[in-house]
Amino acid sequence: MSNDILKSLTDSEQEKVREAIQQLLTNGAILRQDNRDLYEWCRTQRSIVDWFAGIVGLKLQWEHENRLVLALPQSPKLLRRLRQDETLLALALWYDFDRAVKDDGRTPDDVSFSVRHFN
């Protein structure tokens, strides 16, 4: 199957697959609102994108109602292991974000704070 897929792809399609896999590995998802052309191309070429994602150890979850392609790592090697200080920083940032949204009634897009404020 691999030779058939590779032979059938044009140069521009190979570039789209490369872009999609890079986006999935970097961000863990492809959102239509962020990258409409890539999302739409991936939807029309779903089997090809699924196949290439599987090769790098990702299982794709297609959420059409949310206009999202989510990459789920299938290998522990693809998961990021945070050190204790990194974990504490991430939890503190999440806590401040969550408190601003729930307690202060701000929207997620409106939440921001400086490093000085965080410290």
PDB file of N, CA and C in Angstrom:
ATOM      1  N   MET A   1       0.822  -1.203   0.000  1.00  0.00           N
ATOM      2  CA  MET A   1       0.000   0.000   0.000  1.00  0.00           C
ATOM      3  C   MET A   1       0.856   1.253   0.000  1.00  0.00           C
ATOM      4  N   SER A   2       1.992   1.225   0.660  1.00  0.00           N
ATOM      5  CA  SER A   2       2.815   2.428   0.780  1.00  0.00           C
ATOM      6  C   SER A   2       3.312   2.916  -0.569  1.00  0.00           C
ATOM      7  N   ASN A   3       3.748   1.993  -1.426  1.00  0.00           N
ATOM      8  CA  ASN A   3       4.226   2.406  -2.737  1.00  0.00           C
ATOM      9  C   ASN A   3       3.104   3.002  -3.567  1.00  0.00           C
ATOM     10  N   ASP A   4       1.911   2.432  -3.476  1.00  0.00           N
ATOM     11  CA  ASP A   4       0.773   2.952  -4.226  1.00  0.00           C
ATOM     12  C   ASP A   4       0.427   4.371  -3.782  1.00  0.00           C
ATOM     13  N   ILE A   5       0.423   4.587  -2.478  1.00  0.00           N
ATOM     14  CA  ILE A   5       0.098   5.922  -1.961  1.00  0.00           C
ATOM     15  C   ILE A   5       1.164   6.921  -2.369  1.00  0.00           C
ATOM     16  N   LEU A   6       2.415   6.565  -2.186  1.00  0.00           N
ATOM     17  CA  LEU A   6       3.502   7.496  -2.517  1.00  0.00           C
ATOM     18  C   LEU A   6       3.533   7.828  -4.000  1.00  0.00           C
ATOM     19  N   LYS A   7       3.295   6.840  -4.842  1.00  0.00           N
ATOM     20  CA  LYS A   7       3.314   7.070  -6.290  1.00  0.00           C
ATOM     21  C   LYS A   7       2.136   7.928  -6.744  1.00  0.00           C
ATOM     22  N   SER A   8       1.029   7.824  -6.034  1.00  0.00           N
ATOM     23  CA  SER A   8      -0.167   8.544  -6.456  1.00  0.00           C
ATOM     24  C   SER A   8      -0.158  10.016  -6.042  1.00  0.00           C
ATOM     25  N   LEU A   9       0.733  10.408  -5.154  1.00  0.00           N
ATOM     26  CA  LEU A   9       0.753  11.791  -4.669  1.00  0.00           C
ATOM     27  C   LEU A   9       1.581  12.695  -5.569  1.00  0.00           C
ATOM     28  N   THR A  10       1.022  13.838  -5.889  1.00  0.00           N
ATOM     29  CA  THR A  10       1.783  14.849  -6.618  1.00  0.00           C
ATOM     30  C   THR A  10       2.704  15.568  -5.633  1.00  0.00           C
ATOM     31  N   ASP A  11       3.570  16.410  -6.167  1.00  0.00           N
ATOM     32  CA  ASP A  11       4.486  17.168  -5.301  1.00  0.00           C
ATOM     33  C   ASP A  11       3.726  18.072  -4.339  1.00  0.00           C
ATOM     34  N   SER A  12       2.670  18.702  -4.816  1.00  0.00           N
ATOM     35  CA  SER A  12       1.893  19.591  -3.940  1.00  0.00           C
ATOM     36  C   SER A  12       1.153  18.799  -2.870  1.00  0.00           C
ATOM     37  N   GLU A  13       0.683  17.596  -3.215  1.00  0.00           N
ATOM     38  CA  GLU A  13       0.017  16.753  -2.227  1.00  0.00           C
ATOM     39  C   GLU A  13       1.003  16.248  -1.178  1.00  0.00           C
ATOM     40  N   GLN A  14       2.209  15.910  -1.611  1.00  0.00           N
ATOM     41  CA  GLN A  14       3.243  15.501  -0.664  1.00  0.00           C
ATOM     42  C   GLN A  14       3.561  16.638   0.301  1.00  0.00           C
ATOM     43  N   GLU A  15       3.588  17.856  -0.205  1.00  0.00           N
ATOM     44  CA  GLU A  15       3.838  19.024   0.652  1.00  0.00           C
ATOM     45  C   GLU A  15       2.698  19.214   1.651  1.00  0.00           C
ATOM     46  N   LYS A  16       1.456  18.993   1.214  1.00  0.00           N
ATOM     47  CA  LYS A  16       0.303  19.100   2.123  1.00  0.00           C
ATOM     48  C   LYS A  16       0.369  18.040   3.223  1.00  0.00           C
ATOM     49  N   VAL A  17       0.719  16.806   2.854  1.00  0.00           N
ATOM     50  CA  VAL A  17       0.848  15.744   3.848  1.00  0.00           C
ATOM     51  C   VAL A  17       1.942  16.107   4.842  1.00  0.00           C
ATOM     52  N   ARG A  18       3.072  16.577   4.335  1.00  0.00           N
ATOM     53  CA  ARG A  18       4.184  16.979   5.194  1.00  0.00           C
ATOM     54  C   ARG A  18       3.751  18.075   6.162  1.00  0.00           C
ATOM     55  N   GLU A  19       3.040  19.070   5.641  1.00  0.00           N
ATOM     56  CA  GLU A  19       2.548  20.177   6.471  1.00  0.00           C
ATOM     57  C   GLU A  19       1.565  19.675   7.533  1.00  0.00           C
ATOM     58  N   ALA A  20       0.680  18.768   7.137  1.00  0.00           N
ATOM     59  CA  ALA A  20      -0.311  18.236   8.078  1.00  0.00           C
ATOM     60  C   ALA A  20       0.363  17.452   9.199  1.00  0.00           C
ATOM     61  N   ILE A  21       1.301  16.583   8.860  1.00  0.00           N
ATOM     62  CA  ILE A  21       1.980  15.783   9.874  1.00  0.00           C
ATOM     63  C   ILE A  21       2.806  16.675  10.794  1.00  0.00           C
ATOM     64  N   GLN A  22       3.467  17.680  10.245  1.00  0.00           N
ATOM     65  CA  GLN A  22       4.229  18.612  11.085  1.00  0.00           C
ATOM     66  C   GLN A  22       3.309  19.356  12.044  1.00  0.00           C
ATOM     67  N   GLN A  23       2.168  19.791  11.555  1.00  0.00           N
ATOM     68  CA  GLN A  23       1.191  20.494  12.392  1.00  0.00           C
ATOM     69  C   GLN A  23       0.679  19.578  13.509  1.00  0.00           C
ATOM     70  N   LEU A  24       0.404  18.336  13.172  1.00  0.00           N
ATOM     71  CA  LEU A  24      -0.099  17.390  14.164  1.00  0.00           C
ATOM     72  C   LEU A  24       0.960  17.063  15.217  1.00  0.00           C
ATOM     73  N   LEU A  25       2.204  16.920  14.796  1.00  0.00           N
ATOM     74  CA  LEU A  25       3.270  16.633  15.752  1.00  0.00           C
ATOM     75  C   LEU A  25       3.594  17.848  16.620  1.00  0.00           C
ATOM     76  N   THR A  26       3.530  19.034  16.049  1.00  0.00           N
ATOM     77  CA  THR A  26       3.865  20.248  16.779  1.00  0.00           C
ATOM     78  C   THR A  26       2.760  20.675  17.728  1.00  0.00           C
ATOM     79  N   ASN A  27       1.532  20.736  17.226  1.00  0.00           N
ATOM     80  CA  ASN A  27       0.416  21.279  18.000  1.00  0.00           C
ATOM     81  C   ASN A  27      -0.561  20.226  18.512  1.00  0.00           C
ATOM     82  N   GLY A  28      -0.485  19.032  17.979  1.00  0.00           N
ATOM     83  CA  GLY A  28      -1.387  17.981  18.408  1.00  0.00           C
ATOM     84  C   GLY A  28      -2.756  18.040  17.754  1.00  0.00           C
ATOM     85  N   ALA A  29      -2.966  19.011  16.870  1.00  0.00           N
ATOM     86  CA  ALA A  29      -4.283  19.143  16.235  1.00  0.00           C
ATOM     87  C   ALA A  29      -4.188  20.058  15.022  1.00  0.00           C
ATOM     88  N   ILE A  30      -5.188  19.932  14.169  1.00  0.00           N
ATOM     89  CA  ILE A  30      -5.387  20.883  13.069  1.00  0.00           C
ATOM     90  C   ILE A  30      -6.780  21.457  13.266  1.00  0.00           C
ATOM     91  N   LEU A  31      -6.849  22.755  13.494  1.00  0.00           N
ATOM     92  CA  LEU A  31      -8.119  23.451  13.678  1.00  0.00           C
ATOM     93  C   LEU A  31      -8.494  24.157  12.388  1.00  0.00           C
ATOM     94  N   ARG A  32      -9.728  24.035  11.991  1.00  0.00           N
ATOM     95  CA  ARG A  32     -10.176  24.687  10.762  1.00  0.00           C
ATOM     96  C   ARG A  32     -10.065  26.202  10.877  1.00  0.00           C
ATOM     97  N   GLN A  33     -10.364  26.742  12.044  1.00  0.00           N
ATOM     98  CA  GLN A  33     -10.331  28.195  12.206  1.00  0.00           C
ATOM     99  C   GLN A  33      -8.914  28.753  12.074  1.00  0.00           C
ATOM    100  N   ASP A  34      -7.906  27.932  12.369  1.00  0.00           N
ATOM    101  CA  ASP A  34      -6.524  28.393  12.264  1.00  0.00           C
ATOM    102  C   ASP A  34      -5.915  28.152  10.896  1.00  0.00           C
ATOM    103  N   ASN A  35      -6.331  27.081  10.241  1.00  0.00           N
ATOM    104  CA  ASN A  35      -5.729  26.708   8.967  1.00  0.00           C
ATOM    105  C   ASN A  35      -6.770  26.026   8.093  1.00  0.00           C
ATOM    106  N   ARG A  36      -7.633  26.831   7.534  1.00  0.00           N
ATOM    107  CA  ARG A  36      -8.795  26.322   6.797  1.00  0.00           C
ATOM    108  C   ARG A  36      -8.415  25.448   5.602  1.00  0.00           C
ATOM    109  N   ASP A  37      -7.478  25.915   4.787  1.00  0.00           N
ATOM    110  CA  ASP A  37      -7.110  25.147   3.590  1.00  0.00           C
ATOM    111  C   ASP A  37      -6.544  23.779   3.936  1.00  0.00           C
ATOM    112  N   LEU A  38      -5.664  23.743   4.919  1.00  0.00           N
ATOM    113  CA  LEU A  38      -5.066  22.470   5.322  1.00  0.00           C
ATOM    114  C   LEU A  38      -6.121  21.541   5.914  1.00  0.00           C
ATOM    115  N   TYR A  39      -7.001  22.072   6.747  1.00  0.00           N
ATOM    116  CA  TYR A  39      -8.063  21.257   7.345  1.00  0.00           C
ATOM    117  C   TYR A  39      -8.961  20.663   6.259  1.00  0.00           C
ATOM    118  N   GLU A  40      -9.381  21.480   5.317  1.00  0.00           N
ATOM    119  CA  GLU A  40     -10.270  21.005   4.250  1.00  0.00           C
ATOM    120  C   GLU A  40      -9.571  19.969   3.378  1.00  0.00           C
ATOM    121  N   TRP A  41      -8.293  20.186   3.084  1.00  0.00           N
ATOM    122  CA  TRP A  41      -7.554  19.208   2.287  1.00  0.00           C
ATOM    123  C   TRP A  41      -7.462  17.882   3.045  1.00  0.00           C
ATOM    124  N   CYS A  42      -7.175  17.940   4.331  1.00  0.00           N
ATOM    125  CA  CYS A  42      -7.068  16.730   5.144  1.00  0.00           C
ATOM    126  C   CYS A  42      -8.394  15.970   5.166  1.00  0.00           C
ATOM    127  N   ARG A  43      -9.499  16.688   5.233  1.00  0.00           N
ATOM    128  CA  ARG A  43     -10.808  16.009   5.231  1.00  0.00           C
ATOM    129  C   ARG A  43     -11.041  15.262   3.925  1.00  0.00           C
ATOM    130  N   THR A  44     -10.648  15.864   2.811  1.00  0.00           N
ATOM    131  CA  THR A  44     -10.866  15.200   1.519  1.00  0.00           C
ATOM    132  C   THR A  44      -9.879  14.061   1.291  1.00  0.00           C
ATOM    133  N   GLN A  45      -8.736  14.107   1.950  1.00  0.00           N
ATOM    134  CA  GLN A  45      -7.707  13.082   1.792  1.00  0.00           C
ATOM    135  C   GLN A  45      -7.507  12.309   3.100  1.00  0.00           C
ATOM    136  N   ARG A  46      -8.596  12.045   3.775  1.00  0.00           N
ATOM    137  CA  ARG A  46      -8.540  11.464   5.118  1.00  0.00           C
ATOM    138  C   ARG A  46      -7.737  10.167   5.179  1.00  0.00           C
ATOM    139  N   SER A  47      -7.952   9.259   4.258  1.00  0.00           N
ATOM    140  CA  SER A  47      -7.253   7.966   4.319  1.00  0.00           C
ATOM    141  C   SER A  47      -5.744   8.142   4.187  1.00  0.00           C
ATOM    142  N   ILE A  48      -5.315   9.057   3.352  1.00  0.00           N
ATOM    143  CA  ILE A  48      -3.875   9.305   3.189  1.00  0.00           C
ATOM    144  C   ILE A  48      -3.297   9.898   4.465  1.00  0.00           C
ATOM    145  N   VAL A  49      -3.977  10.881   5.032  1.00  0.00           N
ATOM    146  CA  VAL A  49      -3.492  11.523   6.256  1.00  0.00           C
ATOM    147  C   VAL A  49      -3.489  10.525   7.413  1.00  0.00           C
ATOM    148  N   ASP A  50      -4.521   9.703   7.520  1.00  0.00           N
ATOM    149  CA  ASP A  50      -4.566   8.657   8.549  1.00  0.00           C
ATOM    150  C   ASP A  50      -3.383   7.698   8.413  1.00  0.00           C
ATOM    151  N   TRP A  51      -3.092   7.315   7.186  1.00  0.00           N
ATOM    152  CA  TRP A  51      -2.014   6.358   6.945  1.00  0.00           C
ATOM    153  C   TRP A  51      -0.667   6.939   7.360  1.00  0.00           C
ATOM    154  N   PHE A  52      -0.368   8.177   6.924  1.00  0.00           N
ATOM    155  CA  PHE A  52       0.907   8.801   7.280  1.00  0.00           C
ATOM    156  C   PHE A  52       1.005   9.078   8.776  1.00  0.00           C
ATOM    157  N   ALA A  53      -0.088   9.455   9.400  1.00  0.00           N
ATOM    158  CA  ALA A  53      -0.089   9.677  10.845  1.00  0.00           C
ATOM    159  C   ALA A  53       0.209   8.372  11.575  1.00  0.00           C
ATOM    160  N   GLY A  54      -0.349   7.285  11.085  1.00  0.00           N
ATOM    161  CA  GLY A  54      -0.091   5.981  11.687  1.00  0.00           C
ATOM    162  C   GLY A  54       1.375   5.585  11.614  1.00  0.00           C
ATOM    163  N   ILE A  55       2.025   5.978  10.541  1.00  0.00           N
ATOM    164  CA  ILE A  55       3.450   5.656  10.376  1.00  0.00           C
ATOM    165  C   ILE A  55       4.292   6.337  11.448  1.00  0.00           C
ATOM    166  N   VAL A  56       3.928   7.558  11.837  1.00  0.00           N
ATOM    167  CA  VAL A  56       4.711   8.279  12.858  1.00  0.00           C
ATOM    168  C   VAL A  56       4.182   8.038  14.264  1.00  0.00           C
ATOM    169  N   GLY A  57       3.202   7.154  14.400  1.00  0.00           N
ATOM    170  CA  GLY A  57       2.728   6.767  15.722  1.00  0.00           C
ATOM    171  C   GLY A  57       1.567   7.578  16.266  1.00  0.00           C
ATOM    172  N   LEU A  58       0.782   8.163  15.375  1.00  0.00           N
ATOM    173  CA  LEU A  58      -0.382   8.944  15.801  1.00  0.00           C
ATOM    174  C   LEU A  58      -1.662   8.277  15.318  1.00  0.00           C
ATOM    175  N   LYS A  59      -2.677   8.335  16.140  1.00  0.00           N
ATOM    176  CA  LYS A  59      -4.027   7.937  15.733  1.00  0.00           C
ATOM    177  C   LYS A  59      -4.828   9.232  15.658  1.00  0.00           C
ATOM    178  N   LEU A  60      -5.516   9.435  14.552  1.00  0.00           N
ATOM    179  CA  LEU A  60      -6.259  10.681  14.373  1.00  0.00           C
ATOM    180  C   LEU A  60      -7.710  10.516  14.772  1.00  0.00           C
ATOM    181  N   GLN A  61      -8.189  11.497  15.486  1.00  0.00           N
ATOM    182  CA  GLN A  61      -9.607  11.553  15.846  1.00  0.00           C
ATOM    183  C   GLN A  61     -10.198  12.718  15.069  1.00  0.00           C
ATOM    184  N   TRP A  62     -11.169  12.421  14.221  1.00  0.00           N
ATOM    185  CA  TRP A  62     -11.787  13.424  13.357  1.00  0.00           C
ATOM    186  C   TRP A  62     -13.061  13.917  14.011  1.00  0.00           C
ATOM    187  N   GLU A  63     -13.096  15.149  14.407  1.00  0.00           N
ATOM    188  CA  GLU A  63     -14.273  15.741  15.040  1.00  0.00           C
ATOM    189  C   GLU A  63     -14.832  16.819  14.106  1.00  0.00           C
ATOM    190  N   HIS A  64     -15.668  16.371  13.175  1.00  0.00           N
ATOM    191  CA  HIS A  64     -16.178  17.280  12.150  1.00  0.00           C
ATOM    192  C   HIS A  64     -17.077  18.367  12.727  1.00  0.00           C
ATOM    193  N   GLU A  65     -17.856  18.028  13.759  1.00  0.00           N
ATOM    194  CA  GLU A  65     -18.738  19.045  14.344  1.00  0.00           C
ATOM    195  C   GLU A  65     -17.943  20.168  15.016  1.00  0.00           C
ATOM    196  N   ASN A  66     -16.739  19.849  15.509  1.00  0.00           N
ATOM    197  CA  ASN A  66     -15.872  20.870  16.114  1.00  0.00           C
ATOM    198  C   ASN A  66     -14.832  21.394  15.131  1.00  0.00           C
ATOM    199  N   ARG A  67     -14.860  20.857  13.921  1.00  0.00           N
ATOM    200  CA  ARG A  67     -13.910  21.226  12.871  1.00  0.00           C
ATOM    201  C   ARG A  67     -12.471  21.101  13.365  1.00  0.00           C
ATOM    202  N   LEU A  68     -12.159  19.875  13.766  1.00  0.00           N
ATOM    203  CA  LEU A  68     -10.905  19.591  14.428  1.00  0.00           C
ATOM    204  C   LEU A  68     -10.398  18.211  14.039  1.00  0.00           C
ATOM    205  N   VAL A  69      -9.109  18.121  13.801  1.00  0.00           N
ATOM    206  CA  VAL A  69      -8.432  16.837  13.647  1.00  0.00           C
ATOM    207  C   VAL A  69      -7.462  16.756  14.814  1.00  0.00           C
ATOM    208  N   LEU A  70      -7.660  15.781  15.672  1.00  0.00           N
ATOM    209  CA  LEU A  70      -6.871  15.645  16.895  1.00  0.00           C
ATOM    210  C   LEU A  70      -5.934  14.458  16.763  1.00  0.00           C
ATOM    211  N   ALA A  71      -4.657  14.668  17.117  1.00  0.00           N
ATOM    212  CA  ALA A  71      -3.658  13.604  17.050  1.00  0.00           C
ATOM    213  C   ALA A  71      -3.464  12.999  18.430  1.00  0.00           C
ATOM    214  N   LEU A  72      -3.664  11.696  18.525  1.00  0.00           N
ATOM    215  CA  LEU A  72      -3.472  10.984  19.785  1.00  0.00           C
ATOM    216  C   LEU A  72      -2.234  10.105  19.676  1.00  0.00           C
ATOM    217  N   PRO A  73      -1.194  10.394  20.460  1.00  0.00           N
ATOM    218  CA  PRO A  73       0.029   9.591  20.398  1.00  0.00           C
ATOM    219  C   PRO A  73      -0.250   8.145  20.803  1.00  0.00           C
ATOM    220  N   GLN A  74       0.299   7.216  20.048  1.00  0.00           N
ATOM    221  CA  GLN A  74       0.119   5.796  20.324  1.00  0.00           C
ATOM    222  C   GLN A  74       1.370   5.166  20.921  1.00  0.00           C
ATOM    223  N   SER A  75       2.393   5.967  21.088  1.00  0.00           N
ATOM    224  CA  SER A  75       3.646   5.475  21.648  1.00  0.00           C
ATOM    225  C   SER A  75       4.067   6.378  22.798  1.00  0.00           C
ATOM    226  N   PRO A  76       4.540   5.813  23.896  1.00  0.00           N
ATOM    227  CA  PRO A  76       4.999   6.649  25.017  1.00  0.00           C
ATOM    228  C   PRO A  76       6.166   7.556  24.631  1.00  0.00           C
ATOM    229  N   LYS A  77       6.888   7.197  23.575  1.00  0.00           N
ATOM    230  CA  LYS A  77       8.013   8.020  23.138  1.00  0.00           C
ATOM    231  C   LYS A  77       7.559   9.374  22.605  1.00  0.00           C
ATOM    232  N   LEU A  78       6.305   9.471  22.175  1.00  0.00           N
ATOM    233  CA  LEU A  78       5.785  10.732  21.652  1.00  0.00           C
ATOM    234  C   LEU A  78       5.238  11.645  22.744  1.00  0.00           C
ATOM    235  N   LEU A  79       5.126  11.133  23.949  1.00  0.00           N
ATOM    236  CA  LEU A  79       4.597  11.930  25.052  1.00  0.00           C
ATOM    237  C   LEU A  79       5.715  12.739  25.697  1.00  0.00           C
ATOM    238  N   ARG A  80       5.399  13.941  26.087  1.00  0.00           N
ATOM    239  CA  ARG A  80       6.368  14.821  26.744  1.00  0.00           C
ATOM    240  C   ARG A  80       6.348  14.525  28.230  1.00  0.00           C
ATOM    241  N   ARG A  81       7.498  14.265  28.776  1.00  0.00           N
ATOM    242  CA  ARG A  81       7.616  14.064  30.217  1.00  0.00           C
ATOM    243  C   ARG A  81       8.194  15.323  30.821  1.00  0.00           C
ATOM    244  N   LEU A  82       7.423  15.964  31.656  1.00  0.00           N
ATOM    245  CA  LEU A  82       7.851  17.212  32.271  1.00  0.00           C
ATOM    246  C   LEU A  82       8.606  16.938  33.570  1.00  0.00           C
ATOM    247  N   ARG A  83       9.616  17.758  33.809  1.00  0.00           N
ATOM    248  CA  ARG A  83      10.289  17.711  35.104  1.00  0.00           C
ATOM    249  C   ARG A  83       9.346  18.315  36.140  1.00  0.00           C
ATOM    250  N   GLN A  84       9.677  18.153  37.395  1.00  0.00           N
ATOM    251  CA  GLN A  84       8.807  18.625  38.470  1.00  0.00           C
ATOM    252  C   GLN A  84       8.597  20.136  38.386  1.00  0.00           C
ATOM    253  N   ASP A  85       9.651  20.903  38.146  1.00  0.00           N
ATOM    254  CA  ASP A  85       9.501  22.356  38.083  1.00  0.00           C
ATOM    255  C   ASP A  85       8.660  22.787  36.883  1.00  0.00           C
ATOM    256  N   GLU A  86       8.782  22.073  35.764  1.00  0.00           N
ATOM    257  CA  GLU A  86       7.959  22.380  34.595  1.00  0.00           C
ATOM    258  C   GLU A  86       6.491  22.055  34.872  1.00  0.00           C
ATOM    259  N   THR A  87       6.249  20.965  35.556  1.00  0.00           N
ATOM    260  CA  THR A  87       4.882  20.566  35.907  1.00  0.00           C
ATOM    261  C   THR A  87       4.249  21.593  36.836  1.00  0.00           C
ATOM    262  N   LEU A  88       4.998  22.044  37.824  1.00  0.00           N
ATOM    263  CA  LEU A  88       4.472  23.047  38.763  1.00  0.00           C
ATOM    264  C   LEU A  88       4.161  24.362  38.049  1.00  0.00           C
ATOM    265  N   LEU A  89       5.007  24.756  37.136  1.00  0.00           N
ATOM    266  CA  LEU A  89       4.765  25.977  36.373  1.00  0.00           C
ATOM    267  C   LEU A  89       3.505  25.834  35.516  1.00  0.00           C
ATOM    268  N   ALA A  90       3.364  24.697  34.836  1.00  0.00           N
ATOM    269  CA  ALA A  90       2.175  24.478  34.003  1.00  0.00           C
ATOM    270  C   ALA A  90       0.904  24.469  34.846  1.00  0.00           C
ATOM    271  N   LEU A  91       0.950  23.836  35.998  1.00  0.00           N
ATOM    272  CA  LEU A  91      -0.225  23.805  36.874  1.00  0.00           C
ATOM    273  C   LEU A  91      -0.565  25.198  37.411  1.00  0.00           C
ATOM    274  N   ALA A  92       0.437  25.978  37.760  1.00  0.00           N
ATOM    275  CA  ALA A  92       0.187  27.336  38.248  1.00  0.00           C
ATOM    276  C   ALA A  92      -0.416  28.207  37.154  1.00  0.00           C
ATOM    277  N   LEU A  93       0.091  28.084  35.939  1.00  0.00           N
ATOM    278  CA  LEU A  93      -0.469  28.849  34.813  1.00  0.00           C
ATOM    279  C   LEU A  93      -1.907  28.426  34.547  1.00  0.00           C
ATOM    280  N   TRP A  94      -2.157  27.128  34.566  1.00  0.00           N
ATOM    281  CA  TRP A  94      -3.517  26.642  34.359  1.00  0.00           C
ATOM    282  C   TRP A  94      -4.451  27.144  35.448  1.00  0.00           C
ATOM    283  N   TYR A  95      -4.008  27.140  36.689  1.00  0.00           N
ATOM    284  CA  TYR A  95      -4.830  27.605  37.803  1.00  0.00           C
ATOM    285  C   TYR A  95      -5.197  29.077  37.616  1.00  0.00           C
ATOM    286  N   ASP A  96      -4.210  29.918  37.291  1.00  0.00           N
ATOM    287  CA  ASP A  96      -4.495  31.341  37.080  1.00  0.00           C
ATOM    288  C   ASP A  96      -5.452  31.549  35.912  1.00  0.00           C
ATOM    289  N   PHE A  97      -5.264  30.792  34.839  1.00  0.00           N
ATOM    290  CA  PHE A  97      -6.159  30.887  33.683  1.00  0.00           C
ATOM    291  C   PHE A  97      -7.573  30.468  34.067  1.00  0.00           C
ATOM    292  N   ASP A  98      -7.703  29.332  34.719  1.00  0.00           N
ATOM    293  CA  ASP A  98      -9.003  28.802  35.105  1.00  0.00           C
ATOM    294  C   ASP A  98      -9.732  29.753  36.060  1.00  0.00           C
ATOM    295  N   ARG A  99      -8.999  30.323  36.999  1.00  0.00           N
ATOM    296  CA  ARG A  99      -9.593  31.263  37.945  1.00  0.00           C
ATOM    297  C   ARG A  99     -10.084  32.526  37.234  1.00  0.00           C
ATOM    298  N   ALA A 100      -9.310  33.009  36.259  1.00  0.00           N
ATOM    299  CA  ALA A 100      -9.718  34.199  35.514  1.00  0.00           C
ATOM    300  C   ALA A 100     -10.988  33.941  34.711  1.00  0.00           C
ATOM    301  N   VAL A 101     -11.118  32.745  34.150  1.00  0.00           N
ATOM    302  CA  VAL A 101     -12.296  32.420  33.349  1.00  0.00           C
ATOM    303  C   VAL A 101     -13.511  32.179  34.244  1.00  0.00           C
ATOM    304  N   LYS A 102     -13.350  31.353  35.272  1.00  0.00           N
ATOM    305  CA  LYS A 102     -14.493  30.978  36.109  1.00  0.00           C
ATOM    306  C   LYS A 102     -14.880  32.059  37.109  1.00  0.00           C
ATOM    307  N   ASP A 103     -13.921  32.625  37.807  1.00  0.00           N
ATOM    308  CA  ASP A 103     -14.229  33.581  38.866  1.00  0.00           C
ATOM    309  C   ASP A 103     -14.439  34.999  38.348  1.00  0.00           C
ATOM    310  N   ASP A 104     -13.608  35.394  37.378  1.00  0.00           N
ATOM    311  CA  ASP A 104     -13.687  36.768  36.872  1.00  0.00           C
ATOM    312  C   ASP A 104     -14.593  36.902  35.665  1.00  0.00           C
ATOM    313  N   GLY A 105     -15.052  35.770  35.107  1.00  0.00           N
ATOM    314  CA  GLY A 105     -15.976  35.808  33.969  1.00  0.00           C
ATOM    315  C   GLY A 105     -15.339  36.241  32.666  1.00  0.00           C
ATOM    316  N   ARG A 106     -14.036  36.121  32.536  1.00  0.00           N
ATOM    317  CA  ARG A 106     -13.350  36.521  31.301  1.00  0.00           C
ATOM    318  C   ARG A 106     -13.410  35.382  30.291  1.00  0.00           C
ATOM    319  N   THR A 107     -13.332  35.723  29.025  1.00  0.00           N
ATOM    320  CA  THR A 107     -13.291  34.698  27.985  1.00  0.00           C
ATOM    321  C   THR A 107     -11.850  34.205  27.853  1.00  0.00           C
ATOM    322  N   PRO A 108     -11.657  32.978  27.370  1.00  0.00           N
ATOM    323  CA  PRO A 108     -10.293  32.464  27.228  1.00  0.00           C
ATOM    324  C   PRO A 108      -9.387  33.361  26.388  1.00  0.00           C
ATOM    325  N   ASP A 109      -9.954  34.018  25.386  1.00  0.00           N
ATOM    326  CA  ASP A 109      -9.130  34.905  24.550  1.00  0.00           C
ATOM    327  C   ASP A 109      -8.707  36.171  25.283  1.00  0.00           C
ATOM    328  N   ASP A 110      -9.450  36.545  26.325  1.00  0.00           N
ATOM    329  CA  ASP A 110      -9.144  37.770  27.062  1.00  0.00           C
ATOM    330  C   ASP A 110      -8.158  37.558  28.204  1.00  0.00           C
ATOM    331  N   VAL A 111      -7.857  36.319  28.516  1.00  0.00           N
ATOM    332  CA  VAL A 111      -6.979  36.032  29.653  1.00  0.00           C
ATOM    333  C   VAL A 111      -5.527  36.187  29.237  1.00  0.00           C
ATOM    334  N   SER A 112      -4.846  37.058  29.923  1.00  0.00           N
ATOM    335  CA  SER A 112      -3.400  37.209  29.736  1.00  0.00           C
ATOM    336  C   SER A 112      -2.836  37.838  30.996  1.00  0.00           C
ATOM    337  N   PHE A 113      -1.598  37.566  31.262  1.00  0.00           N
ATOM    338  CA  PHE A 113      -0.922  38.198  32.376  1.00  0.00           C
ATOM    339  C   PHE A 113       0.567  38.207  32.092  1.00  0.00           C
ATOM    340  N   SER A 114       1.232  39.156  32.668  1.00  0.00           N
ATOM    341  CA  SER A 114       2.675  39.301  32.417  1.00  0.00           C
ATOM    342  C   SER A 114       3.456  38.363  33.330  1.00  0.00           C
ATOM    343  N   VAL A 115       4.693  38.180  33.002  1.00  0.00           N
ATOM    344  CA  VAL A 115       5.568  37.356  33.836  1.00  0.00           C
ATOM    345  C   VAL A 115       5.724  37.991  35.208  1.00  0.00           C
ATOM    346  N   ARG A 116       5.817  39.306  35.236  1.00  0.00           N
ATOM    347  CA  ARG A 116       5.942  40.024  36.512  1.00  0.00           C
ATOM    348  C   ARG A 116       4.729  39.748  37.383  1.00  0.00           C
ATOM    349  N   HIS A 117       3.526  39.812  36.819  1.00  0.00           N
ATOM    350  CA  HIS A 117       2.304  39.531  37.564  1.00  0.00           C
ATOM    351  C   HIS A 117       2.265  38.082  38.026  1.00  0.00           C
ATOM    352  N   PHE A 118       2.693  37.174  37.171  1.00  0.00           N
ATOM    353  CA  PHE A 118       2.687  35.763  37.517  1.00  0.00           C
ATOM    354  C   PHE A 118       3.640  35.476  38.686  1.00  0.00           C
ATOM    355  N   ASN A 119       4.797  36.097  38.662  1.00  0.00           N
ATOM    356  CA  ASN A 119       5.766  35.879  39.748  1.00  0.00           C
ATOM    357  C   ASN A 119       5.248  36.451  41.044  1.00  0.00           C
TER     358      ASN A 119
END
